Amino acid sequence: MAREGWDIPRSDTRHNFLRIVEGQGTWLDKNCESSGVVNLSGARAHWWIIKPETDKDSGHVAPGGHIAALYQNELYELQTGRAGIAKLQAFGAIFGADRVVIYVEPDTKLGPVAANTARTQLLVEGEPLDWAGWAAEFREKMPDELVRLQEEIGAQAGEKDHTKAILERLKQIKDLLRFSRFRPAKEGTGVATIDPESLTSGGEPSVRGGHHQGTRELREPGKKGGRAGDLYALFAESGALNANAVDTFGEPKTQWLSVEDGTRIPPDLEDRAAKFLLQQNLLLINADFRAFTDMVERWALAYANAPGARATVKEVVHEWFEQTLIETVMSAQALKRTGKWSLQELGALWTEEALTAAVLPRWHIDQSIKRNLGHRLGSLKAA
């Protein structure tokens, strides 16, 4: 028990009293609408979905929207706020993350588990926890209750799917979105030469330790990426070995988020344009970002005399900004195929800050929006 309001006279039992300290686990069990355990490779993931009416500002416990490691009934590497939401999204809780809590408990049978000297981080056999691997496995085994939560909140988004129109336009410039990559040619014939010695590590290195800088995960030494995965994509475009170009065209999935429809939870993406979840190939776009809302207001005002124009304006504005973000991610990923960019360097191209910078130049987007609205709503003079 702990005394609360100790500086107030004992006679004021309302403000000076002994509070029972129960711990995070007891609070979660009392305030969840569903919970369970998912068995992962080398760990168990305990999850809870908090009731929507639960007080989030009591100050006595960490509310929904956080993630941590659990060992010997203690929590380590606790992530709350923006970092917590980012990590929960990596585990598949894209929507309603403020109601989700996940604790990952390493399996001591697979190796000794111990805290570091500062007791801030858990280590398994002296290595940081494999958060990235567990996140991918949890997404594959996501409980039905969490799936339903994603579907219920995601259905509230009134955003139209712009994918078809965007891909039709991007196909016209597909050769510009594919930086050449090569594989060794058969029988010594090919259209280019490559240097096998310049092969860089392939695959995706594990995210170690769960540290974040903003929402970008820092990769620490540990498990190596190896040469698995897209091997030939990583040959440099110079050398003596004959090779042929390899052709691919893959776009990220997109999802618009907004506080208004409950799909975005502050402080996630606050004053940022978008974030890219590499492992899920998912681009989350913040509809509340000022560059988008300002553009909507600009053209809604221009077509103020056209009945129902605002909905069309918003749709067109979002479509063109979405295309810009998709192009940015696709072009950044294409750089991997040259073999001259490390995975760490590539990751810097799709951080929240980089994606925000990508949509700040607006003259060309504004002109595209103007032409599109002219076709759909008529000329500005007529309006």
Protein backbone atom coordinates (compact mmCIF):
# COMPACT_ATOMS: atom_id res chain seq x y z
CA MET A 1 0.00 0.00 0.00
CA ALA A 2 1.09 3.60 -0.59
CA ARG A 3 -0.19 6.74 1.10
CA GLU A 4 -1.67 9.29 -1.24
CA GLY A 5 -2.14 12.90 -0.21
CA TRP A 6 0.26 12.56 2.72
CA ASP A 7 0.68 16.37 2.95
CA ILE A 8 -3.06 16.76 3.64
CA PRO A 9 -4.44 16.33 7.20
CA ARG A 10 -5.28 12.73 8.08
CA SER A 11 -8.81 13.83 8.92
CA ASP A 12 -9.40 14.40 5.18
CA THR A 13 -9.82 10.73 4.36
CA ARG A 14 -10.99 11.54 0.84
CA HIS A 15 -7.64 13.02 -0.16
CA ASN A 16 -5.30 11.43 2.41
CA PHE A 17 -5.61 7.65 2.25
CA LEU A 18 -3.76 4.40 1.61
CA ARG A 19 -4.00 3.23 -1.96
CA ILE A 20 -3.60 -0.47 -2.73
CA VAL A 21 -0.88 -0.96 -5.33
CA GLU A 22 -1.92 -3.97 -7.39
CA GLY A 23 0.36 -3.82 -10.42
CA GLN A 24 -0.23 -3.60 -14.14
CA GLY A 25 -1.41 -7.19 -14.60
CA THR A 26 -4.30 -6.89 -12.15
CA TRP A 27 -5.45 -3.63 -13.76
CA LEU A 28 -5.35 -5.16 -17.24
CA ASP A 29 -7.39 -8.19 -16.18
CA LYS A 30 -10.01 -5.97 -14.51
CA ASN A 31 -10.37 -3.55 -17.42
CA CYS A 32 -10.06 -5.74 -20.52
CA GLU A 33 -12.90 -6.98 -22.68
CA SER A 34 -10.80 -9.85 -24.02
CA SER A 35 -7.31 -11.26 -23.54
CA GLY A 36 -5.20 -14.26 -24.36
CA VAL A 37 -1.78 -15.70 -25.12
CA VAL A 38 -0.12 -16.36 -28.48
CA ASN A 39 2.74 -18.85 -28.60
CA LEU A 40 5.69 -17.53 -30.60
CA SER A 41 9.10 -18.95 -31.43
CA GLY A 42 11.02 -18.62 -28.19
CA ALA A 43 8.39 -16.50 -26.42
CA ARG A 44 4.75 -16.10 -25.39
CA ALA A 45 2.82 -12.94 -26.25
CA HIS A 46 0.21 -11.93 -23.66
CA TRP A 47 -2.39 -9.57 -25.13
CA TRP A 48 -5.32 -7.53 -23.85
CA ILE A 49 -8.00 -5.36 -25.48
CA ILE A 50 -9.02 -2.65 -23.03
CA LYS A 51 -12.70 -1.68 -22.69
CA PRO A 52 -13.40 1.58 -24.56
CA GLU A 53 -14.92 3.28 -21.49
CA THR A 54 -11.83 2.69 -19.30
CA ASP A 55 -10.22 5.77 -17.72
CA LYS A 56 -6.98 6.41 -19.64
CA ASP A 57 -5.76 9.30 -17.50
CA SER A 58 -5.78 7.90 -13.97
CA GLY A 59 -2.00 8.29 -13.71
CA HIS A 60 -1.73 5.12 -11.60
CA VAL A 61 -1.07 2.65 -14.43
CA ALA A 62 0.06 2.64 -18.03
CA PRO A 63 -3.20 2.66 -20.03
CA GLY A 64 -3.83 0.88 -23.32
CA GLY A 65 -1.47 1.59 -26.20
CA HIS A 66 1.76 0.18 -24.82
CA ILE A 67 4.01 -2.83 -25.24
CA ALA A 68 6.74 -4.37 -23.07
CA ALA A 69 8.80 -7.45 -22.34
CA LEU A 70 7.78 -9.58 -19.35
CA TYR A 71 10.21 -11.55 -17.20
CA GLN A 72 9.79 -12.82 -13.64
CA ASN A 73 6.63 -10.74 -13.21
CA GLU A 74 8.45 -7.50 -14.09
CA LEU A 75 8.16 -5.31 -17.18
CA TYR A 76 11.14 -4.25 -19.28
CA GLU A 77 11.56 -2.11 -22.41
CA LEU A 78 8.16 -0.50 -21.86
CA GLN A 79 7.11 1.60 -24.86
CA THR A 80 4.23 4.07 -24.52
CA GLY A 81 2.94 7.04 -26.51
CA ARG A 82 4.14 7.35 -30.10
CA ALA A 83 6.82 4.68 -29.74
CA GLY A 84 4.33 2.25 -28.19
CA ILE A 85 1.79 2.78 -30.96
CA ALA A 86 4.49 2.32 -33.61
CA LYS A 87 5.58 -1.00 -32.14
CA LEU A 88 1.97 -2.19 -31.73
CA GLN A 89 1.39 -1.38 -35.40
CA ALA A 90 4.37 -3.59 -36.21
CA PHE A 91 2.53 -6.36 -34.35
CA GLY A 92 -0.52 -5.75 -36.57
CA ALA A 93 -2.59 -3.44 -34.34
CA ILE A 94 -2.91 -0.70 -36.97
CA PHE A 95 -6.24 0.56 -35.65
CA GLY A 96 -7.32 1.00 -32.04
CA ALA A 97 -3.77 0.68 -30.75
CA ASP A 98 -4.72 2.83 -27.74
CA ARG A 99 -6.87 -0.09 -26.55
CA VAL A 100 -4.25 -2.80 -27.08
CA VAL A 101 -1.52 -4.01 -24.73
CA ILE A 102 1.03 -6.71 -25.58
CA TYR A 103 3.66 -8.20 -23.25
CA VAL A 104 6.17 -10.61 -24.78
CA GLU A 105 7.62 -13.14 -22.34
CA PRO A 106 10.84 -14.86 -23.53
CA ASP A 107 11.04 -18.63 -23.06
CA THR A 108 13.81 -19.44 -20.59
CA LYS A 109 14.06 -22.99 -21.95
CA LEU A 110 15.73 -21.76 -25.11
CA GLY A 111 18.52 -19.89 -23.33
CA PRO A 112 19.35 -17.86 -20.23
CA VAL A 113 17.31 -14.66 -19.87
CA ALA A 114 18.71 -11.77 -17.85
CA ALA A 115 18.38 -8.02 -17.52
CA ASN A 116 21.23 -5.73 -18.44
CA THR A 117 23.15 -3.94 -15.68
CA ALA A 118 20.80 -0.94 -15.72
CA ARG A 119 17.76 -3.29 -15.66
CA THR A 120 16.26 -1.45 -18.63
CA GLN A 121 16.63 -4.18 -21.24
CA LEU A 122 16.22 -7.96 -21.41
CA LEU A 123 18.85 -10.15 -23.02
CA VAL A 124 18.53 -13.75 -24.22
CA GLU A 125 21.91 -15.46 -24.28
CA GLY A 126 23.43 -12.00 -24.14
CA GLU A 127 21.52 -10.81 -27.24
CA PRO A 128 18.69 -8.23 -27.40
CA LEU A 129 15.15 -9.49 -27.90
CA ASP A 130 14.02 -10.35 -31.43
CA TRP A 131 11.14 -7.86 -31.58
CA ALA A 132 10.96 -7.84 -35.39
CA GLY A 133 10.73 -11.61 -35.65
CA TRP A 134 8.09 -11.85 -32.93
CA ALA A 135 6.06 -9.04 -34.53
CA ALA A 136 5.98 -10.85 -37.88
CA GLU A 137 4.96 -14.12 -36.22
CA PHE A 138 2.28 -12.42 -34.11
CA ARG A 139 0.76 -10.85 -37.23
CA GLU A 140 0.46 -14.30 -38.78
CA LYS A 141 -1.19 -15.70 -35.64
CA MET A 142 -3.24 -12.64 -34.70
CA PRO A 143 -6.17 -13.59 -32.42
CA ASP A 144 -9.69 -13.30 -33.84
CA GLU A 145 -10.60 -10.63 -31.28
CA LEU A 146 -7.78 -8.36 -32.47
CA VAL A 147 -8.69 -9.02 -36.10
CA ARG A 148 -12.28 -7.96 -35.42
CA LEU A 149 -11.07 -4.80 -33.67
CA GLN A 150 -9.03 -3.90 -36.77
CA GLU A 151 -11.97 -4.57 -39.07
CA GLU A 152 -14.46 -2.61 -36.97
CA ILE A 153 -12.34 0.53 -36.70
CA GLY A 154 -10.95 0.25 -40.23
CA ALA A 155 -14.48 0.13 -41.61
CA GLN A 156 -15.10 3.61 -40.17
CA ALA A 157 -12.64 5.15 -42.62
CA GLY A 158 -14.63 6.73 -45.41
CA GLU A 159 -11.66 6.96 -47.76
CA LYS A 160 -12.17 5.86 -51.36
CA ASP A 161 -9.70 3.36 -52.81
CA HIS A 162 -7.45 5.29 -55.21
CA THR A 163 -5.20 2.36 -56.06
CA LYS A 164 -6.57 1.57 -59.51
CA ALA A 165 -6.29 5.13 -60.83
CA ILE A 166 -2.81 5.58 -59.32
CA LEU A 167 -1.46 2.33 -60.75
CA GLU A 168 -2.79 3.16 -64.20
CA ARG A 169 -0.77 6.38 -64.14
CA LEU A 170 2.34 4.76 -62.65
CA LYS A 171 2.36 2.07 -65.33
CA GLN A 172 3.03 4.83 -67.85
CA ILE A 173 6.35 5.55 -66.11
CA LYS A 174 7.15 2.08 -64.80
CA ASP A 175 10.56 2.14 -66.44
CA LEU A 176 11.44 5.14 -64.24
CA LEU A 177 10.44 3.34 -61.05
CA ARG A 178 12.72 0.36 -61.64
CA PHE A 179 16.37 1.02 -61.14
CA SER A 180 18.13 -1.66 -63.13
CA ARG A 181 19.19 -4.80 -61.34
CA PHE A 182 20.85 -7.87 -62.79
CA ARG A 183 21.33 -11.63 -62.52
CA PRO A 184 24.13 -13.62 -64.13
CA ALA A 185 23.28 -14.48 -67.75
CA LYS A 186 23.35 -17.99 -69.21
CA GLU A 187 26.13 -19.09 -71.52
CA GLY A 188 28.05 -15.87 -71.08
CA THR A 189 25.58 -13.63 -72.91
CA GLY A 190 23.83 -10.62 -71.40
CA VAL A 191 22.96 -6.99 -71.70
CA ALA A 192 25.30 -5.72 -68.98
CA THR A 193 28.19 -6.72 -66.74
CA ILE A 194 28.24 -7.05 -62.97
CA ASP A 195 30.85 -7.48 -60.27
CA PRO A 196 30.09 -10.53 -58.05
CA GLU A 197 32.51 -9.25 -55.44
CA SER A 198 30.28 -6.21 -54.86
CA LEU A 199 27.38 -8.33 -53.59
CA THR A 200 25.95 -6.81 -50.42
CA SER A 201 24.13 -8.60 -47.61
CA GLY A 202 20.58 -9.60 -48.48
CA GLY A 203 17.51 -10.37 -46.44
CA GLU A 204 16.28 -8.19 -43.62
CA PRO A 205 18.48 -7.85 -40.51
CA SER A 206 16.71 -8.35 -37.23
CA VAL A 207 15.65 -5.30 -35.26
CA ARG A 208 17.45 -5.68 -32.00
CA GLY A 209 16.61 -4.22 -28.62
CA GLY A 210 13.42 -2.47 -29.65
CA HIS A 211 14.97 1.00 -29.48
CA HIS A 212 13.34 3.78 -31.44
CA GLN A 213 14.30 7.17 -32.71
CA GLY A 214 10.92 8.71 -33.39
CA THR A 215 9.25 5.73 -34.99
CA ARG A 216 12.28 4.45 -36.87
CA GLU A 217 13.77 1.31 -35.37
CA LEU A 218 17.51 1.28 -34.88
CA ARG A 219 19.27 -1.86 -35.97
CA GLU A 220 22.02 -3.06 -33.69
CA PRO A 221 24.69 -5.70 -34.24
CA GLY A 222 23.40 -9.21 -33.81
CA LYS A 223 21.70 -11.45 -36.32
CA LYS A 224 22.96 -10.74 -39.79
CA GLY A 225 20.87 -10.34 -42.90
CA GLY A 226 22.89 -12.93 -44.80
CA ARG A 227 22.60 -13.40 -48.55
CA ALA A 228 19.08 -14.76 -48.58
CA GLY A 229 16.14 -12.99 -50.10
CA ASP A 230 16.47 -10.96 -53.29
CA LEU A 231 20.01 -12.06 -54.02
CA TYR A 232 20.52 -10.89 -57.58
CA ALA A 233 18.95 -7.52 -56.84
CA LEU A 234 22.05 -6.66 -54.89
CA PHE A 235 24.71 -7.04 -57.55
CA ALA A 236 26.34 -3.75 -58.43
CA GLU A 237 25.99 -2.60 -62.03
CA SER A 238 29.65 -2.89 -62.89
CA GLY A 239 32.12 -5.66 -63.38
CA ALA A 240 33.04 -8.39 -65.83
CA LEU A 241 30.24 -10.98 -65.42
CA ASN A 242 27.55 -10.83 -68.13
CA ALA A 243 24.02 -10.33 -66.78
CA ASN A 244 20.42 -9.67 -67.74
CA ALA A 245 18.08 -7.10 -66.19
CA VAL A 246 15.41 -8.32 -63.75
CA ASP A 247 12.00 -6.64 -63.89
CA THR A 248 9.63 -6.08 -60.95
CA PHE A 249 6.80 -3.69 -60.15
CA GLY A 250 5.32 -3.73 -56.66
CA GLU A 251 3.47 -0.98 -54.89
CA PRO A 252 2.76 -0.62 -51.14
CA LYS A 253 -0.72 -0.95 -49.75
CA THR A 254 -2.12 2.31 -48.39
CA GLN A 255 -4.38 3.33 -45.54
CA TRP A 256 -5.52 6.86 -44.69
CA LEU A 257 -5.81 7.66 -40.97
CA SER A 258 -7.76 10.42 -39.25
CA VAL A 259 -8.66 11.38 -35.70
CA GLU A 260 -12.17 12.23 -36.89
CA ASP A 261 -13.05 8.67 -37.88
CA GLY A 262 -11.07 7.06 -35.05
CA THR A 263 -8.41 5.46 -37.23
CA ARG A 264 -5.56 7.66 -35.93
CA ILE A 265 -4.67 8.02 -32.27
CA PRO A 266 -2.56 11.02 -31.23
CA PRO A 267 0.36 11.43 -30.83
CA ASP A 268 0.83 8.93 -33.66
CA LEU A 269 1.83 10.77 -36.87
CA GLU A 270 1.20 14.15 -35.23
CA ASP A 271 2.12 16.80 -37.83
CA ARG A 272 3.66 14.10 -40.04
CA ALA A 273 2.48 13.11 -43.50
CA ALA A 274 2.91 9.35 -43.40
CA LYS A 275 4.83 6.34 -42.15
CA PHE A 276 5.87 3.18 -44.01
CA LEU A 277 5.78 -0.25 -42.34
CA LEU A 278 8.36 -2.17 -44.35
CA GLN A 279 7.57 -5.67 -43.09
CA GLN A 280 3.89 -5.21 -43.92
CA ASN A 281 4.51 -3.17 -47.09
CA LEU A 282 1.93 -0.75 -45.72
CA LEU A 283 1.85 3.02 -46.11
CA LEU A 284 -0.12 4.82 -43.39
CA ILE A 285 -1.11 8.36 -44.44
CA ASN A 286 -2.23 11.05 -42.00
CA ALA A 287 -5.32 12.77 -43.42
CA ASP A 288 -5.00 15.43 -40.70
CA PHE A 289 -1.58 16.64 -41.90
CA ARG A 290 -1.71 20.36 -42.65
CA ALA A 291 -0.35 20.09 -46.21
CA PHE A 292 -3.33 17.89 -47.09
CA THR A 293 -5.98 19.85 -45.21
CA ASP A 294 -4.70 23.18 -46.55
CA MET A 295 -4.93 21.88 -50.11
CA VAL A 296 -8.46 20.63 -49.52
CA GLU A 297 -9.47 24.02 -48.13
CA ARG A 298 -7.83 25.83 -51.05
CA TRP A 299 -9.86 23.99 -53.70
CA ALA A 300 -13.05 23.69 -51.67
CA LEU A 301 -13.03 27.47 -51.46
CA ALA A 302 -12.38 27.76 -55.19
CA TYR A 303 -15.42 25.56 -55.90
CA ALA A 304 -17.52 26.97 -53.07
CA ASN A 305 -20.43 27.62 -55.46
CA ALA A 306 -20.49 24.03 -56.75
CA PRO A 307 -22.90 21.92 -54.63
CA GLY A 308 -21.23 18.99 -52.90
CA ALA A 309 -17.81 19.93 -54.24
CA ARG A 310 -15.91 19.43 -50.96
CA ALA A 311 -16.21 15.63 -51.02
CA THR A 312 -14.88 15.50 -54.58
CA VAL A 313 -12.08 17.94 -53.75
CA LYS A 314 -10.98 15.85 -50.77
CA GLU A 315 -11.00 12.68 -52.86
CA VAL A 316 -8.89 14.22 -55.63
CA VAL A 317 -6.43 15.88 -53.23
CA HIS A 318 -5.89 12.65 -51.34
CA GLU A 319 -5.43 10.68 -54.56
CA TRP A 320 -2.60 12.89 -55.85
CA PHE A 321 -0.78 13.08 -52.53
CA GLU A 322 -1.14 9.32 -52.14
CA GLN A 323 0.48 8.82 -55.53
CA THR A 324 3.41 10.99 -54.51
CA LEU A 325 3.97 8.92 -51.37
CA ILE A 326 3.65 5.64 -53.24
CA GLU A 327 6.19 6.80 -55.82
CA THR A 328 8.57 7.86 -53.05
CA VAL A 329 8.46 4.45 -51.35
CA MET A 330 8.71 2.50 -54.61
CA SER A 331 11.63 4.57 -55.86
CA ALA A 332 13.42 4.24 -52.52
CA GLN A 333 13.02 0.48 -52.55
CA ALA A 334 14.25 0.32 -56.14
CA LEU A 335 17.56 1.82 -55.01
CA LYS A 336 18.21 -1.41 -53.13
CA ARG A 337 18.58 -3.17 -56.45
CA THR A 338 21.64 -1.16 -57.39
CA GLY A 339 23.62 -2.68 -54.53
CA LYS A 340 25.02 0.70 -53.54
CA TRP A 341 22.62 1.43 -50.66
CA SER A 342 22.66 -0.43 -47.35
CA LEU A 343 19.36 -1.37 -45.71
CA GLN A 344 20.02 1.20 -43.01
CA GLU A 345 20.52 3.94 -45.57
CA LEU A 346 17.40 2.93 -47.45
CA GLY A 347 15.36 3.05 -44.25
CA ALA A 348 16.18 6.73 -43.92
CA LEU A 349 14.33 7.38 -47.19
CA TRP A 350 10.95 6.27 -45.82
CA THR A 351 11.06 7.65 -42.30
CA GLU A 352 8.18 9.87 -41.22
CA GLU A 353 10.39 12.90 -41.75
CA ALA A 354 11.45 11.85 -45.25
CA LEU A 355 7.87 11.08 -46.34
CA THR A 356 6.74 14.42 -44.94
CA ALA A 357 9.41 16.20 -46.96
CA ALA A 358 8.28 14.31 -50.08
CA VAL A 359 4.84 15.99 -50.07
CA LEU A 360 5.97 19.52 -49.20
CA PRO A 361 6.70 20.62 -52.81
CA ARG A 362 3.15 21.27 -54.00
CA TRP A 363 3.22 23.22 -57.28
CA HIS A 364 3.05 20.17 -59.55
CA ILE A 365 0.50 18.44 -57.33
CA ASP A 366 -1.61 21.58 -57.32
CA GLN A 367 -1.58 21.67 -61.13
CA SER A 368 -2.61 18.02 -61.34
CA ILE A 369 -5.45 18.62 -58.87
CA LYS A 370 -6.57 21.65 -60.89
CA ARG A 371 -6.79 19.63 -64.12
CA ASN A 372 -8.57 16.72 -62.42
CA LEU A 373 -11.13 18.95 -60.73
CA GLY A 374 -11.70 20.77 -64.00
CA HIS A 375 -12.74 17.49 -65.62
CA ARG A 376 -14.97 16.47 -62.71
CA LEU A 377 -16.45 19.76 -61.49
CA GLY A 378 -16.04 22.00 -64.53
CA SER A 379 -13.79 24.99 -65.04
CA LEU A 380 -13.27 27.49 -62.25
CA LYS A 381 -14.90 30.21 -64.36
CA ALA A 382 -18.05 28.14 -64.69
CA ALA A 383 -17.98 27.33 -60.98
